Amino acid sequence: MLMPEQKSAQHVTDPTGVTVAHNVRRVRERRGLSTYQLSRSLAEAGRPMAPAAIGRLERGERRVDVGDLAALAVVLSVSPSTFLLPPDDSPASEAEVTGAGFVAADVAWDWADGRRPLTLPEGDPGTAMLEYQLYGRPPARRTNRRDVAYVTRSLLDLGLDAVTVRRLVAGHDEDSDG
């Protein structure tokens, strides 16, 4: 007699998906919540997920869609980026990001925080940094003095001379004024 084919658990294999699975469990446990409590909170937030589904998610047997990610972040009171990267932002550590491979952990977190591109092209990193701010942030966010200072420091650290940096940052300020 032939047995019906059993469905095997589909494991999440992409690096960011694996990180999300680990981080959901880490944050849930640090908050002192069971999968049942988290399930109840998600249902109250309008995004029901059974405790068994949360367990599969945490074991990497269930994918997380964008709506799940947002609801988990709301219910667990963290930024969605908390789930996407390892909880270490040391420049000596690496984070594996789907589509980019391994990058320095501090760079990955700056990217997730909207402060810089994940990678910088050879030749004109200054323009890449400024375009990232220009196209990746709403107008009120990209004129933040702290971010302009961060971009300025980053450009100087990349070896651009101070005159070029001032010209690039001044052009950025003009573009973002309105």
Foldseek 3Di string as FASTA:
>chain_A
DDDPDDDDQDAADFQQQLLLLQQLVVLCVVVVHQLCRLQVLLVVVVRHDDSVRNVCSNVRRDGADPVNLVSSCVSSVHDSVSSRWDPDQDQVDWTQHGPPGIDRSVLVVCVVVQLAPSDADPDCRLVRRLVSLVPVDPLVVSVPPVSLVVSLVVVVVVPDDNVVSVVSSVVSNVVSPD
